[in-house]
């Protein structure tokens, strides 16, 4: 049902298929409330990954999975984990601190040694995770070396840079984000207050590292702090090698196209192979034969799920084990299953208290799920992604008789709508901020994703803004891209007015026919559809394009309802908006339950 789309050269270059083809889903492990991902190998040197925080962790999840998988193929076992209170890990009573994170890294190292038999530990850390890696290494007698990527060793400086980045994100969005007063936030992620307080006084030095310790520094171009760190390590007697962190900026630009610096992954693997003997660790047979890990509180029970041996997900169920419905939560572009700002984690755990189970899942080539060697290189909006959704629905149906719903944001909403229309096991659909109700077959997906989410009214406002003129003069505004986006909006608006009279003689008329065909199919099965949109991202414009300025065309579909979110952005940043959306999901589940 999904029309084929043009795949750009950039998408092919960044797909990571060649490096990722032999990979499989890592072995999920639970460690004192933390969820980890183990990459077994027989070598005597293991690698513990200490991730950056929040948004940066979201953007680099796939990158670190690829590095860990490559190291395991070279014979170096590795473990990645979510800090206490972050990612899929459980919350911490009274909040996490920096030392809580360090203790988490040491616990992950202990798990890696026990499960694989490795003797020595190489700590990899990125961003504030580099500070965690250094501190953990200083406390670990089995320290073999360290990899420090885009390091943030001064907590105060890190918090200042984080605040500046958030200011750029909020600039121009006329909404009240409603974050707690005085909080540290970045792109919907809100830092634990105790951790933020800790970081204000944190400075991690290189004291106490053994002489001759192998160290690799991944230095951001023209970043003096990274270069100074390499010099300090050298001065302390460490065996230091420095590599340019090429692709750093593009990777942290977001999760819309997921560009992976594949050459850098190879360079890291080559350095580890040169610096440490592969050897063989002591025998440890616990790596893959353990029972599925469970994370549980007095409010919910979570368990990793592997779908068809290739797709990773996390099920979250009420403690009673008797769910009234199951909602499959789909990826937004290349954002991992935790969701932007951990929205799917919070959603799942809140719904569990209302008796509703969820399955947050990574489709192929996203987050924890490796690429399908036989699948599309660019997975977002591809027919292969729909095949993954059908596989997830089959998996859910094999373990529950409750109604199954699909929910997604943006591209995930598109997958939910199209897969739900084709799958008789789907009992409800919630589409949130869907920027393309139907894909234009001539539209390049990368260009679409890179264009960003912005309505025509915002382009008009910015066009007459003095600050916009200044940004144009300084070269900050990509004029061709902005012009193309404005032209696209204008073209769609004109076509939207004439296509009802010309029907299938226009492309938009044919696309409208495709959408209405999907909705009629859902009406025949009595599957309710909820469209959620907001004013700031173009999703409302998309609704008007297909259903008319006053959305009167929606009246032809009694099972369809549209909800307009006020004071909301594309990624649902304000906490109050997220609470509202969770309530809508609960209502949709309850509606499907009554129908069943």
Protein backbone atom coordinates (compact mmCIF):
# COMPACT_ATOMS: atom_id res chain seq x y z
CA UNK A 1 0.00 0.00 0.00
CA UNK A 2 2.93 2.39 0.65
CA UNK A 3 4.20 3.92 -2.54
CA UNK A 4 7.87 3.47 -3.28
CA UNK A 5 9.99 6.54 -2.69
CA UNK A 6 13.26 7.86 -4.01
CA UNK A 7 16.24 6.98 -1.80
CA UNK A 8 19.00 9.57 -1.76
CA UNK A 9 22.72 8.86 -2.02
CA UNK A 10 23.12 10.28 1.48
CA UNK A 11 20.72 7.67 2.85
CA UNK A 12 22.63 4.87 1.18
CA UNK A 13 25.95 6.17 2.47
CA UNK A 14 24.69 6.39 6.04
CA UNK A 15 22.69 3.19 6.23
CA UNK A 16 25.37 1.09 7.93
CA UNK A 17 24.14 -2.07 6.22
CA UNK A 18 27.57 -3.35 5.26
CA UNK A 19 28.92 -3.10 8.81
CA UNK A 20 25.70 -4.24 10.44
CA UNK A 21 24.62 -7.15 8.23
CA UNK A 22 25.96 -10.03 10.38
CA UNK A 23 24.77 -8.45 13.62
CA UNK A 24 21.99 -9.80 15.80
CA UNK A 25 20.09 -8.36 18.72
CA UNK A 26 22.34 -8.09 21.77
CA UNK A 27 21.56 -10.21 24.83
CA UNK A 28 19.39 -8.18 27.23
CA UNK A 29 20.47 -8.33 30.88
CA UNK A 30 19.06 -6.84 34.10
CA UNK A 31 21.41 -5.54 36.78
CA UNK A 32 19.96 -4.12 40.01
CA UNK A 33 17.21 -2.25 38.18
CA UNK A 34 19.33 -1.34 35.16
CA UNK A 35 18.75 -2.75 31.69
CA UNK A 36 21.86 -3.65 29.72
CA UNK A 37 22.74 -5.08 26.33
CA UNK A 38 25.47 -7.71 26.23
CA UNK A 39 27.58 -8.48 23.14
CA UNK A 40 29.26 -11.80 23.99
CA UNK A 41 32.77 -12.72 22.83
CA UNK A 42 35.55 -14.88 24.23
CA UNK A 43 38.34 -12.30 24.59
CA UNK A 44 40.03 -11.45 27.85
CA UNK A 45 39.45 -7.68 27.49
CA UNK A 46 35.86 -6.45 27.75
CA UNK A 47 34.38 -3.02 26.99
CA UNK A 48 31.88 -1.12 29.15
CA UNK A 49 30.02 1.70 27.38
CA UNK A 50 29.14 4.79 29.43
CA UNK A 51 26.63 6.73 27.36
CA UNK A 52 26.06 10.49 27.27
CA UNK A 53 22.94 11.91 28.87
CA UNK A 54 19.46 12.40 27.48
CA UNK A 55 19.17 13.67 23.94
CA UNK A 56 22.78 12.80 23.12
CA UNK A 57 22.19 9.24 24.31
CA UNK A 58 19.10 9.09 22.08
CA UNK A 59 21.09 10.20 19.03
CA UNK A 60 24.03 7.86 19.65
CA UNK A 61 22.27 4.65 20.69
CA UNK A 62 22.66 3.07 17.26
CA UNK A 63 26.26 4.34 16.96
CA UNK A 64 27.27 2.66 20.19
CA UNK A 65 25.43 -0.53 19.29
CA UNK A 66 27.40 -0.69 16.04
CA UNK A 67 30.72 -0.11 17.84
CA UNK A 68 29.93 -2.79 20.44
CA UNK A 69 28.85 -5.28 17.76
CA UNK A 70 32.03 -4.62 15.78
CA UNK A 71 34.22 -5.10 18.87
CA UNK A 72 32.45 -8.37 19.70
CA UNK A 73 33.10 -9.63 16.17
CA UNK A 74 36.77 -8.83 16.78
CA UNK A 75 36.72 -10.92 19.97
CA UNK A 76 36.12 -8.21 22.60
CA UNK A 77 32.96 -8.73 24.68
CA UNK A 78 31.03 -5.53 25.39
CA UNK A 79 28.13 -4.30 27.46
CA UNK A 80 26.02 -1.20 27.08
CA UNK A 81 23.61 -0.14 29.81
CA UNK A 82 21.15 2.55 30.80
CA UNK A 83 22.12 4.51 33.90
CA UNK A 84 19.77 4.20 36.89
CA UNK A 85 16.79 6.43 36.19
CA UNK A 86 17.58 6.74 32.46
CA UNK A 87 16.53 4.89 29.33
CA UNK A 88 14.79 1.61 30.16
CA UNK A 89 16.26 1.40 33.66
CA UNK A 90 14.10 1.79 36.73
CA UNK A 91 13.77 5.09 38.60
CA UNK A 92 15.91 5.72 41.66
CA UNK A 93 14.41 6.48 45.07
CA UNK A 94 15.13 10.13 45.94
CA UNK A 95 16.85 10.57 42.55
CA UNK A 96 20.15 9.59 40.93
CA UNK A 97 23.52 11.21 41.57
CA UNK A 98 26.77 11.18 39.61
CA UNK A 99 28.11 8.49 41.93
CA UNK A 100 24.95 6.45 41.24
CA UNK A 101 25.94 6.48 37.58
CA UNK A 102 29.54 5.51 38.40
CA UNK A 103 28.29 2.64 40.54
CA UNK A 104 26.14 1.60 37.57
CA UNK A 105 29.20 1.46 35.33
CA UNK A 106 31.11 -0.64 37.86
CA UNK A 107 28.10 -2.94 38.18
CA UNK A 108 28.00 -3.35 34.40
CA UNK A 109 31.71 -4.23 34.41
CA UNK A 110 31.06 -6.85 37.08
CA UNK A 111 28.25 -8.32 34.96
CA UNK A 112 30.47 -8.38 31.87
CA UNK A 113 33.25 -10.24 33.69
CA UNK A 114 30.81 -12.75 35.20
CA UNK A 115 28.98 -13.49 31.94
CA UNK A 116 31.91 -13.62 29.51
CA UNK A 117 34.93 -14.50 31.64
CA UNK A 118 36.94 -11.46 30.53
CA UNK A 119 39.68 -10.33 32.90
CA UNK A 120 40.24 -6.67 32.06
CA UNK A 121 37.88 -3.76 31.37
CA UNK A 122 38.17 -0.98 28.80
CA UNK A 123 35.84 1.90 29.66
CA UNK A 124 34.31 3.86 26.79
CA UNK A 125 32.62 7.15 27.65
CA UNK A 126 31.02 9.89 25.57
CA UNK A 127 30.02 13.37 26.70
CA UNK A 128 29.30 13.36 30.42
CA UNK A 129 29.69 9.58 30.10
CA UNK A 130 33.44 10.19 29.66
CA UNK A 131 33.49 11.56 33.22
CA UNK A 132 31.66 8.42 34.37
CA UNK A 133 34.13 6.20 32.48
CA UNK A 134 37.17 7.93 33.97
CA UNK A 135 35.81 7.85 37.53
CA UNK A 136 34.80 4.19 37.21
CA UNK A 137 38.19 3.30 35.73
CA UNK A 138 39.96 4.98 38.62
CA UNK A 139 38.03 2.69 41.00
CA UNK A 140 38.41 -0.54 38.99
CA UNK A 141 41.47 -2.73 39.61
CA UNK A 142 40.82 -4.50 36.31
CA UNK A 143 41.12 -1.27 34.25
CA UNK A 144 42.72 -1.98 30.86
CA UNK A 145 42.31 1.39 29.15
CA UNK A 146 39.80 4.05 28.18
CA UNK A 147 38.16 5.62 25.16
CA UNK A 148 37.04 9.20 25.77
CA UNK A 149 34.73 10.66 23.12
CA UNK A 150 33.73 14.34 23.01
CA UNK A 151 34.49 14.41 26.73
CA UNK A 152 32.68 16.58 29.27
CA UNK A 153 34.78 16.40 32.44
CA UNK A 154 33.66 19.72 33.95
CA UNK A 155 30.08 19.47 35.16
CA UNK A 156 29.55 23.21 35.38
CA UNK A 157 30.73 23.76 31.81
CA UNK A 158 28.59 20.86 30.63
CA UNK A 159 25.46 22.30 32.24
CA UNK A 160 26.18 25.71 30.73
CA UNK A 161 26.55 24.23 27.23
CA UNK A 162 23.38 22.17 27.73
CA UNK A 163 21.43 25.30 28.67
CA UNK A 164 22.66 27.08 25.55
CA UNK A 165 21.64 24.18 23.33
CA UNK A 166 18.17 24.13 24.88
CA UNK A 167 17.82 27.86 24.29
CA UNK A 168 18.49 27.33 20.59
CA UNK A 169 15.83 24.60 20.48
CA UNK A 170 13.20 26.74 22.22
CA UNK A 171 14.00 29.83 20.14
CA UNK A 172 11.08 30.71 17.90
CA UNK A 173 8.65 28.13 19.30
CA UNK A 174 5.82 30.16 20.77
CA UNK A 175 4.89 27.66 23.46
CA UNK A 176 5.33 27.37 27.20
CA UNK A 177 7.45 24.28 27.75
CA UNK A 178 6.44 24.09 31.39
CA UNK A 179 9.59 22.40 32.62
CA UNK A 180 10.02 22.48 36.42
CA UNK A 181 11.49 25.78 37.54
CA UNK A 182 15.29 25.74 37.60
CA UNK A 183 15.50 22.38 35.86
CA UNK A 184 18.16 21.29 33.38
CA UNK A 185 16.44 20.25 30.16
CA UNK A 186 17.47 19.42 26.62
CA UNK A 187 15.09 18.47 23.81
CA UNK A 188 12.35 17.15 26.13
CA UNK A 189 14.80 15.37 28.45
CA UNK A 190 14.70 16.69 32.02
CA UNK A 191 17.71 15.90 34.18
CA UNK A 192 17.26 14.48 37.66
CA UNK A 193 17.62 17.50 40.01
CA UNK A 194 20.04 15.65 42.31
CA UNK A 195 22.26 14.81 39.37
CA UNK A 196 22.20 18.41 38.13
CA UNK A 197 23.20 19.61 41.61
CA UNK A 198 26.06 17.10 41.64
CA UNK A 199 27.32 18.20 38.26
CA UNK A 200 27.56 21.85 39.28
CA UNK A 201 30.49 20.96 41.52
CA UNK A 202 31.93 18.11 39.46
CA UNK A 203 35.38 18.08 37.92
CA UNK A 204 36.88 14.73 36.97
CA UNK A 205 40.64 14.65 36.56
CA UNK A 206 43.04 12.02 35.27
CA UNK A 207 44.79 11.43 38.59
CA UNK A 208 45.39 7.85 39.60
CA UNK A 209 45.47 6.33 36.14
CA UNK A 210 48.26 3.73 35.74
CA UNK A 211 51.35 4.79 33.81
CA UNK A 212 51.31 3.61 30.22
CA UNK A 213 47.52 3.16 30.20
CA UNK A 214 46.24 2.89 26.60
CA UNK A 215 43.85 5.78 25.91
CA UNK A 216 42.00 6.83 22.78
CA UNK A 217 40.62 10.36 22.54
CA UNK A 218 37.88 11.08 19.99
CA UNK A 219 38.34 14.81 19.56
CA UNK A 220 35.72 17.09 18.09
CA UNK A 221 37.15 19.27 15.32
CA UNK A 222 38.52 22.54 16.69
CA UNK A 223 37.51 21.70 20.25
CA UNK A 224 40.35 22.86 22.45
CA UNK A 225 39.15 20.95 25.53
CA UNK A 226 39.46 17.62 23.69
CA UNK A 227 42.96 18.48 22.48
CA UNK A 228 43.99 19.59 25.97
CA UNK A 229 42.71 16.30 27.41
CA UNK A 230 44.87 14.34 24.98
CA UNK A 231 47.88 16.45 25.97
CA UNK A 232 47.23 15.95 29.70
CA UNK A 233 46.91 12.21 29.29
CA UNK A 234 50.17 12.13 27.34
CA UNK A 235 51.86 14.21 30.04
CA UNK A 236 50.69 11.77 32.70
CA UNK A 237 52.42 8.89 30.92
CA UNK A 238 49.41 7.36 29.19
CA UNK A 239 49.83 5.80 25.75
CA UNK A 240 47.52 8.20 23.93
CA UNK A 241 46.16 8.19 20.41
CA UNK A 242 43.82 10.91 19.18
CA UNK A 243 41.32 10.58 16.33
CA UNK A 244 39.12 13.29 14.84
CA UNK A 245 35.49 12.67 15.79
CA UNK A 246 34.25 13.10 12.23
CA UNK A 247 30.49 13.16 11.91
CA UNK A 248 29.95 14.20 15.54
CA UNK A 249 27.86 17.27 14.72
CA UNK A 250 25.69 15.51 12.14
CA UNK A 251 25.02 12.60 14.47
CA UNK A 252 23.87 14.89 17.30
CA UNK A 253 21.72 16.96 14.94
CA UNK A 254 18.83 14.63 15.67
CA UNK A 255 17.47 11.24 14.76
CA UNK A 256 15.79 12.01 11.45
CA UNK A 257 18.36 10.42 9.12
CA UNK A 258 20.69 8.63 11.54
CA UNK A 259 24.03 9.33 9.82
CA UNK A 260 26.63 6.88 11.11
CA UNK A 261 30.38 7.62 10.87
CA UNK A 262 31.23 4.09 9.73
CA UNK A 263 34.93 4.85 9.11
CA UNK A 264 35.25 6.01 12.72
CA UNK A 265 33.67 2.76 13.97
CA UNK A 266 36.33 0.84 12.05
CA UNK A 267 39.07 3.11 13.42
CA UNK A 268 37.94 2.49 17.01
CA UNK A 269 37.91 -1.25 16.42
CA UNK A 270 41.38 -1.14 14.84
CA UNK A 271 42.77 0.78 17.83
CA UNK A 272 41.28 -1.69 20.33
CA UNK A 273 42.65 -4.63 18.32
CA UNK A 274 46.14 -3.07 18.21
CA UNK A 275 46.18 -2.02 21.85
CA UNK A 276 44.91 -5.13 23.63
CA UNK A 277 45.65 -8.81 23.18
CA UNK A 278 42.53 -10.66 22.16
CA UNK A 279 43.44 -13.71 24.22
CA UNK A 280 40.76 -15.85 25.78
CA UNK A 281 38.96 -15.16 29.01
CA UNK A 282 38.08 -17.75 31.60
CA UNK A 283 35.09 -19.99 30.86
CA UNK A 284 31.70 -18.39 31.53
CA UNK A 285 28.61 -20.09 30.20
CA UNK A 286 26.04 -17.58 31.39
CA UNK A 287 26.13 -15.22 28.42
CA UNK A 288 23.09 -16.40 26.50
CA UNK A 289 21.36 -19.15 28.49
CA UNK A 290 19.87 -17.07 31.27
CA UNK A 291 16.13 -16.53 31.75
CA UNK A 292 14.66 -13.33 30.25
CA UNK A 293 15.39 -10.42 32.59
CA UNK A 294 12.54 -8.66 34.35
CA UNK A 295 12.41 -5.13 35.75
CA UNK A 296 9.61 -4.60 38.24
CA UNK A 297 8.25 -2.04 40.66
CA UNK A 298 5.03 -1.95 42.67
CA UNK A 299 3.36 -0.32 39.62
CA UNK A 300 4.49 -2.30 36.55
CA UNK A 301 6.51 -5.22 35.22
CA UNK A 302 8.81 -4.85 32.20
CA UNK A 303 10.55 -7.50 30.14
CA UNK A 304 12.69 -7.33 26.99
CA UNK A 305 11.06 -8.96 23.96
CA UNK A 306 12.90 -10.23 20.88
CA UNK A 307 10.57 -10.41 17.88
CA UNK A 308 11.51 -12.96 15.21
CA UNK A 309 15.10 -13.02 16.56
CA UNK A 310 15.79 -9.58 15.06
CA UNK A 311 13.62 -6.82 16.54
CA UNK A 312 14.14 -5.59 20.10
CA UNK A 313 11.35 -4.31 22.28
CA UNK A 314 10.28 -3.89 25.88
CA UNK A 315 6.87 -5.01 27.08
CA UNK A 316 5.35 -3.20 30.03
CA UNK A 317 2.41 -4.83 31.76
CA UNK A 318 0.27 -4.26 34.83
CA UNK A 319 1.33 -6.31 37.83
CA UNK A 320 -1.89 -8.30 37.67
CA UNK A 321 -0.77 -9.70 34.32
CA UNK A 322 -4.31 -9.18 32.98
CA UNK A 323 -4.13 -6.39 30.46
CA UNK A 324 -7.30 -4.88 28.99
CA UNK A 325 -5.47 -3.86 25.78
CA UNK A 326 -1.99 -3.72 24.30
CA UNK A 327 -0.62 -0.63 22.56
CA UNK A 328 2.39 -1.05 20.25
CA UNK A 329 4.49 2.15 20.45
CA UNK A 330 6.39 2.78 17.20
CA UNK A 331 9.61 4.63 16.43
CA UNK A 332 9.64 8.26 15.38
CA UNK A 333 12.18 8.34 12.53
CA UNK A 334 15.38 6.81 14.03
CA UNK A 335 14.56 7.57 17.67
CA UNK A 336 14.99 4.39 19.75
CA UNK A 337 12.12 2.64 21.50
CA UNK A 338 12.46 4.77 24.64
CA UNK A 339 11.17 7.71 22.61
CA UNK A 340 12.08 11.36 22.41
CA UNK A 341 12.45 12.59 25.97
CA UNK A 342 11.67 9.00 27.11
CA UNK A 343 8.05 9.63 26.16
CA UNK A 344 7.34 5.95 25.43
CA UNK A 345 8.89 4.83 28.74
CA UNK A 346 6.75 7.27 30.72
CA UNK A 347 3.70 6.40 28.62
CA UNK A 348 4.14 2.66 29.12
CA UNK A 349 4.61 2.86 32.87
CA UNK A 350 1.66 5.20 33.35
CA UNK A 351 -0.68 3.10 31.22
CA UNK A 352 0.30 -0.06 33.11
CA UNK A 353 -1.30 1.43 36.20
CA UNK A 354 -4.55 1.67 34.22
CA UNK A 355 -4.40 -1.99 33.23
CA UNK A 356 -3.10 -1.31 29.70
CA UNK A 357 0.00 -3.13 28.44
CA UNK A 358 2.41 -1.70 25.89
CA UNK A 359 5.22 -2.89 23.66
CA UNK A 360 7.75 -0.22 22.76
CA UNK A 361 9.81 -1.58 19.91
CA UNK A 362 12.73 -0.79 17.60
CA UNK A 363 12.03 -1.60 13.97
CA UNK A 364 14.91 -2.72 11.71
CA UNK A 365 18.02 -0.51 11.69
CA UNK A 366 16.78 1.62 14.59
CA UNK A 367 18.03 1.64 18.17
CA UNK A 368 18.69 -1.90 19.38
CA UNK A 369 17.48 -3.67 16.23
CA UNK A 370 20.09 -4.47 13.57
CA UNK A 371 19.45 -3.79 9.92
CA UNK A 372 17.80 -6.40 7.77
CA UNK A 373 20.43 -7.34 5.13
CA UNK A 374 17.59 -8.02 2.69
CA UNK A 375 15.66 -4.88 3.59
CA UNK A 376 15.64 -1.25 2.54
CA UNK A 377 18.69 0.84 3.35
CA UNK A 378 16.56 3.83 4.35
CA UNK A 379 13.94 2.31 6.63
CA UNK A 380 11.83 5.33 7.53
CA UNK A 381 8.66 5.39 5.42
CA UNK A 382 9.71 2.19 3.64
CA UNK A 383 7.43 -0.81 2.93
CA UNK A 384 9.93 -2.95 4.86
CA UNK A 385 9.08 -1.01 7.98
CA UNK A 386 5.45 -2.04 7.58
CA UNK A 387 6.56 -5.68 7.38
CA UNK A 388 8.30 -5.15 10.74
CA UNK A 389 5.12 -3.71 12.24
CA UNK A 390 3.16 -6.74 11.06
CA UNK A 391 5.79 -9.00 12.68
CA UNK A 392 5.41 -7.12 15.96
CA UNK A 393 1.61 -7.43 15.82
CA UNK A 394 1.93 -11.18 15.20
CA UNK A 395 4.22 -11.42 18.21
CA UNK A 396 1.79 -9.48 20.39
CA UNK A 397 -1.13 -11.62 19.25
CA UNK A 398 0.81 -14.79 20.11
CA UNK A 399 1.00 -13.77 23.77
CA UNK A 400 -2.30 -11.95 24.36
CA UNK A 401 -5.96 -12.10 23.42
CA UNK A 402 -6.51 -8.44 24.31
CA UNK A 403 -7.19 -5.80 21.61
CA UNK A 404 -3.99 -4.54 19.94
CA UNK A 405 -3.58 -0.87 19.03
CA UNK A 406 -0.85 0.92 17.10
CA UNK A 407 0.43 4.37 18.08
CA UNK A 408 3.21 6.51 16.67
CA UNK A 409 4.50 10.04 16.26
CA UNK A 410 5.37 11.47 12.81
CA UNK A 411 6.77 8.63 10.66
CA UNK A 412 5.68 6.18 13.36
CA UNK A 413 2.14 7.50 12.93
CA UNK A 414 2.39 6.84 9.19
CA UNK A 415 3.44 3.23 9.87
CA UNK A 416 0.62 2.82 12.39
CA UNK A 417 -2.01 4.05 9.91
CA UNK A 418 -0.85 1.98 6.94
CA UNK A 419 -0.05 -1.22 8.84
CA UNK A 420 -3.26 -0.92 10.84
CA UNK A 421 -5.36 -0.62 7.70
CA UNK A 422 -3.90 -3.88 6.37
CA UNK A 423 -3.74 -5.94 9.57
CA UNK A 424 -6.99 -7.51 10.83
CA UNK A 425 -5.48 -7.94 14.32
CA UNK A 426 -5.24 -4.17 14.82
CA UNK A 427 -8.17 -2.81 16.82
CA UNK A 428 -7.26 0.87 17.03
CA UNK A 429 -4.86 3.50 15.67
CA UNK A 430 -3.53 6.69 17.27
CA UNK A 431 -1.63 8.92 14.83
CA UNK A 432 0.28 11.77 16.48
CA UNK A 433 1.65 14.75 14.51
CA UNK A 434 1.71 12.86 11.21
CA UNK A 435 3.49 15.13 8.73
CA UNK A 436 2.69 12.97 5.69
CA UNK A 437 -0.70 11.29 5.65
CA UNK A 438 0.29 9.94 2.23
CA UNK A 439 3.81 9.96 0.79
CA UNK A 440 4.33 11.74 -2.49
CA UNK A 441 5.97 9.03 -4.66
CA UNK A 442 8.33 11.65 -6.10
CA UNK A 443 9.45 12.95 -2.72
CA UNK A 444 12.96 12.14 -1.50
CA UNK A 445 12.72 10.81 2.04
CA UNK A 446 16.02 12.30 3.24
CA UNK A 447 15.01 15.74 1.99
CA UNK A 448 11.66 15.36 3.69
CA UNK A 449 13.23 14.34 6.99
CA UNK A 450 15.91 17.02 6.93
CA UNK A 451 13.38 19.76 6.16
CA UNK A 452 12.13 19.59 9.72
CA UNK A 453 8.66 20.04 11.13
CA UNK A 454 7.33 23.55 10.54
CA UNK A 455 3.95 24.88 9.38
CA UNK A 456 3.49 27.43 6.59
CA UNK A 457 2.39 30.07 9.10
CA UNK A 458 5.79 29.82 10.79
CA UNK A 459 7.61 30.39 7.49
CA UNK A 460 5.45 33.47 6.92
CA UNK A 461 6.18 34.83 10.40
CA UNK A 462 9.92 34.24 10.11
CA UNK A 463 10.03 35.73 6.59
CA UNK A 464 9.08 39.12 8.04
CA UNK A 465 11.25 38.84 11.12
CA UNK A 466 14.30 41.08 11.58
CA UNK A 467 16.16 38.21 13.23
CA UNK A 468 15.55 36.09 10.12
CA UNK A 469 17.13 38.76 7.93
CA UNK A 470 20.17 38.77 10.20
CA UNK A 471 20.45 34.98 10.01
CA UNK A 472 20.20 35.11 6.21
CA UNK A 473 23.00 37.65 6.01
CA UNK A 474 25.18 35.61 8.39
CA UNK A 475 24.59 32.45 6.35
CA UNK A 476 22.71 30.60 9.11
CA UNK A 477 19.58 30.14 6.98
CA UNK A 478 19.64 27.57 4.18
CA UNK A 479 17.81 29.70 1.60
CA UNK A 480 17.31 27.01 -1.09
CA UNK A 481 15.91 24.55 1.45
CA UNK A 482 13.62 27.18 3.00
CA UNK A 483 12.43 28.26 -0.45
CA UNK A 484 11.70 24.67 -1.42
CA UNK A 485 9.71 24.12 1.77
CA UNK A 486 7.68 27.30 1.22
CA UNK A 487 7.04 26.33 -2.41
CA UNK A 488 5.92 22.88 -1.33
CA UNK A 489 3.49 24.35 1.21
CA UNK A 490 2.14 26.80 -1.36
CA UNK A 491 1.77 24.12 -4.04
CA UNK A 492 -0.11 21.84 -1.67
CA UNK A 493 -2.40 24.68 -0.63
CA UNK A 494 -3.30 25.48 -4.23
CA UNK A 495 -3.78 21.83 -5.15
CA UNK A 496 -5.87 21.34 -2.05
CA UNK A 497 -8.35 23.88 -3.37
CA UNK A 498 -8.68 22.45 -6.87
CA UNK A 499 -8.14 18.70 -6.41
CA UNK A 500 -11.72 18.01 -5.18
CA UNK A 501 -12.94 19.16 -8.58
CA UNK A 502 -10.33 17.29 -10.60
CA UNK A 503 -10.19 14.10 -8.51
CA UNK A 504 -7.67 11.58 -9.78
CA UNK A 505 -6.55 13.89 -12.56
CA UNK A 506 -4.19 15.50 -10.01
CA UNK A 507 -1.50 13.82 -7.93
CA UNK A 508 -3.02 15.19 -4.73
CA UNK A 509 -6.38 13.85 -5.82
CA UNK A 510 -4.91 10.40 -6.23
CA UNK A 511 -3.16 10.66 -2.87
CA UNK A 512 -6.42 11.75 -1.24
CA UNK A 513 -8.08 8.73 -2.83
CA UNK A 514 -5.41 6.48 -1.33
CA UNK A 515 -5.91 7.95 2.16
CA UNK A 516 -9.68 7.74 1.98
CA UNK A 517 -9.38 4.14 0.79
CA UNK A 518 -7.39 3.31 3.92
CA UNK A 519 -9.92 5.02 6.15
CA UNK A 520 -12.85 3.29 4.47
CA UNK A 521 -11.15 -0.06 5.02
CA UNK A 522 -10.76 0.77 8.71
CA UNK A 523 -14.40 1.90 8.88
CA UNK A 524 -15.51 -1.44 7.46
CA UNK A 525 -13.65 -3.20 10.28
CA UNK A 526 -14.99 -0.66 12.80
CA UNK A 527 -11.43 0.28 13.82
CA UNK A 528 -11.37 3.71 15.50
CA UNK A 529 -8.70 6.15 14.30
CA UNK A 530 -7.51 9.14 16.34
CA UNK A 531 -5.53 11.87 14.60
CA UNK A 532 -3.66 14.18 16.99
CA UNK A 533 -2.00 17.32 15.62
CA UNK A 534 -0.60 20.65 16.78
CA UNK A 535 -0.17 24.09 15.27
CA UNK A 536 3.63 24.34 15.38
CA UNK A 537 4.81 21.52 13.12
CA UNK A 538 2.73 21.24 9.96
CA UNK A 539 0.61 18.27 11.07
CA UNK A 540 -2.51 20.47 11.21
CA UNK A 541 -1.71 21.77 7.72
CA UNK A 542 -1.60 18.14 6.56
CA UNK A 543 -5.05 17.47 8.01
CA UNK A 544 -6.44 20.55 6.25
CA UNK A 545 -4.81 19.52 2.98
CA UNK A 546 -6.75 16.26 2.86
CA UNK A 547 -9.92 17.07 4.80
CA UNK A 548 -10.47 20.75 4.00
CA UNK A 549 -9.80 24.00 5.82
CA UNK A 550 -12.45 23.23 8.44
CA UNK A 551 -11.69 19.47 8.40
CA UNK A 552 -15.23 18.86 7.18
CA UNK A 553 -14.04 15.86 5.12
CA UNK A 554 -13.53 13.92 8.34
CA UNK A 555 -17.29 13.67 8.80
CA UNK A 556 -17.34 10.98 6.10
CA UNK A 557 -15.63 8.65 8.57
CA UNK A 558 -17.64 8.19 11.80
CA UNK A 559 -14.84 6.19 13.44
CA UNK A 560 -12.36 9.03 12.96
CA UNK A 561 -11.74 11.75 15.50
CA UNK A 562 -9.27 14.63 15.41
CA UNK A 563 -7.73 16.24 18.49
CA UNK A 564 -5.82 19.51 18.27
CA UNK A 565 -3.15 19.96 20.93
CA UNK A 566 -2.56 23.52 22.08
CA UNK A 567 0.80 24.71 23.41
CA UNK A 568 2.51 21.69 21.84
CA UNK A 569 5.49 21.08 19.57
CA UNK A 570 6.23 18.19 17.23
CA UNK A 571 7.95 16.03 19.87
CA UNK A 572 5.39 16.83 22.61
CA UNK A 573 7.94 18.49 24.88
CA UNK A 574 5.72 20.12 27.55
CA UNK A 575 5.03 17.63 30.38
CA UNK A 576 1.38 18.69 30.48
CA UNK A 577 0.98 17.85 26.78
CA UNK A 578 2.48 14.42 27.34
CA UNK A 579 0.04 13.75 30.15
CA UNK A 580 -2.79 14.75 27.81
CA UNK A 581 -1.56 12.38 25.08
CA UNK A 582 -1.24 9.51 27.55
CA UNK A 583 -4.84 10.14 28.51
CA UNK A 584 -5.89 10.01 24.85
CA UNK A 585 -4.07 6.70 24.40
CA UNK A 586 -5.83 5.29 27.45
CA UNK A 587 -9.21 6.40 26.07
CA UNK A 588 -8.42 4.77 22.71
CA UNK A 589 -7.50 1.52 24.44
CA UNK A 590 -10.65 1.57 26.55
CA UNK A 591 -12.75 2.26 23.45
CA UNK A 592 -11.23 -0.76 21.68
CA UNK A 593 -11.82 -2.90 24.76
CA UNK A 594 -15.53 -2.00 24.80
CA UNK A 595 -15.80 -2.90 21.12
CA UNK A 596 -14.11 -6.26 21.80
